Amino acid sequence: LPEEATLQDLLEMNASFFDWPDSLEVTETELFGAPAMAVKTTDEAGNWTHYLMGFVDEEAYLLFLVAPDEDALETYMPTWQRMLDSIEPSTKS
């Protein structure tokens, strides 16, 4: 990543590394009290995946949830969202 990396830079790096298809469902969100991106896609094995990526305290992170099909992913999403909502913002200065 470039020294002054953006969320778009992080998205492009992860898309290349994980060989994501061109048809990504990307939404802007917030995690750790900072802007983040959420990506919903499928992997080469046919699994449905929800990724969250961003920066906290100048470090990049990637969290993800993998399910065997879209219905399973959607069924688990409310629990996943409650877990994410419980994460406190970073207070490091």
Protein backbone atom coordinates (compact mmCIF):
# COMPACT_ATOMS: atom_id res chain seq x y z
CA LEU A 1 0.00 0.00 0.00
CA PRO A 2 1.13 3.57 -0.59
CA GLU A 3 2.25 5.55 2.45
CA GLU A 4 -0.93 7.67 2.39
CA ALA A 5 -3.24 4.78 1.44
CA THR A 6 -6.96 5.34 0.96
CA LEU A 7 -9.86 2.94 1.39
CA GLN A 8 -9.91 2.61 -2.39
CA ASP A 9 -6.23 1.56 -2.35
CA LEU A 10 -7.04 -1.04 0.31
CA LEU A 11 -10.03 -2.30 -1.68
CA GLU A 12 -7.94 -2.66 -4.85
CA MET A 13 -5.13 -4.46 -3.00
CA ASN A 14 -7.55 -6.95 -1.39
CA ALA A 15 -9.47 -7.46 -4.64
CA SER A 16 -6.21 -8.33 -6.39
CA PHE A 17 -4.87 -10.52 -3.57
CA PHE A 18 -8.11 -12.50 -3.15
CA ASP A 19 -8.87 -12.48 -6.90
CA TRP A 20 -12.36 -11.08 -6.33
CA PRO A 21 -14.71 -11.01 -9.32
CA ASP A 22 -15.50 -7.66 -10.94
CA SER A 23 -19.07 -7.76 -9.64
CA LEU A 24 -18.56 -6.62 -6.04
CA GLU A 25 -21.25 -5.18 -3.80
CA VAL A 26 -19.32 -2.38 -2.07
CA THR A 27 -20.77 -0.07 0.58
CA GLU A 28 -19.23 2.60 2.75
CA THR A 29 -19.60 2.09 6.48
CA GLU A 30 -17.82 2.81 9.75
CA LEU A 31 -15.91 0.55 12.14
CA PHE A 32 -13.59 1.34 15.06
CA GLY A 33 -14.99 4.90 14.84
CA ALA A 34 -13.47 5.43 11.39
CA PRO A 35 -14.60 5.12 7.76
CA ALA A 36 -14.54 1.58 6.35
CA MET A 37 -15.70 -0.39 3.32
CA ALA A 38 -17.91 -3.47 3.28
CA VAL A 39 -17.70 -5.89 0.36
CA LYS A 40 -20.06 -8.77 -0.40
CA THR A 41 -18.86 -11.27 -2.99
CA THR A 42 -18.28 -14.94 -3.71
CA ASP A 43 -15.00 -16.80 -3.68
CA GLU A 44 -13.59 -19.39 -6.10
CA ALA A 45 -15.16 -22.21 -4.02
CA GLY A 46 -18.63 -20.66 -4.36
CA ASN A 47 -18.80 -19.41 -0.76
CA TRP A 48 -20.48 -16.09 -0.04
CA THR A 49 -18.29 -13.65 1.88
CA HIS A 50 -18.79 -10.34 3.66
CA TYR A 51 -15.53 -8.39 4.12
CA LEU A 52 -14.94 -5.26 6.18
CA MET A 53 -11.76 -3.27 5.65
CA GLY A 54 -10.33 -0.01 6.78
CA PHE A 55 -7.65 1.64 8.84
CA VAL A 56 -7.39 2.08 12.58
CA ASP A 57 -4.46 3.83 14.23
CA GLU A 58 -2.71 3.94 10.82
CA GLU A 59 -2.88 0.13 10.45
CA ALA A 60 -4.99 -1.67 7.86
CA TYR A 61 -7.42 -4.40 8.91
CA LEU A 62 -9.63 -6.95 7.15
CA LEU A 63 -12.46 -8.80 8.88
CA PHE A 64 -14.62 -11.33 7.08
CA LEU A 65 -17.51 -13.72 7.41
CA VAL A 66 -17.78 -16.73 5.10
CA ALA A 67 -20.93 -18.77 4.45
CA PRO A 68 -21.66 -21.68 2.12
CA ASP A 69 -24.43 -19.82 0.25
CA GLU A 70 -26.17 -16.46 0.09
CA ASP A 71 -29.10 -17.56 2.30
CA ALA A 72 -26.72 -18.69 5.06
CA LEU A 73 -24.81 -15.40 4.84
CA GLU A 74 -28.01 -13.35 5.06
CA THR A 75 -29.23 -15.48 7.99
CA TYR A 76 -26.04 -14.76 9.95
CA MET A 77 -25.78 -11.06 9.03
CA PRO A 78 -27.86 -9.74 11.98
CA THR A 79 -25.55 -11.56 14.42
CA TRP A 80 -22.48 -10.34 12.51
CA GLN A 81 -23.83 -6.77 12.66
CA ARG A 82 -24.45 -6.99 16.42
CA MET A 83 -20.85 -8.19 16.86
CA LEU A 84 -19.57 -5.26 14.79
CA ASP A 85 -21.79 -2.80 16.66
CA SER A 86 -20.22 -3.95 19.93
CA ILE A 87 -16.72 -2.88 18.81
CA GLU A 88 -15.59 0.27 20.59
CA PRO A 89 -13.98 3.12 18.62
CA SER A 90 -10.21 3.31 18.81
CA THR A 91 -9.01 5.76 21.44
CA LYS A 92 -5.31 5.64 20.59
CA SER A 93 -3.88 9.06 19.85
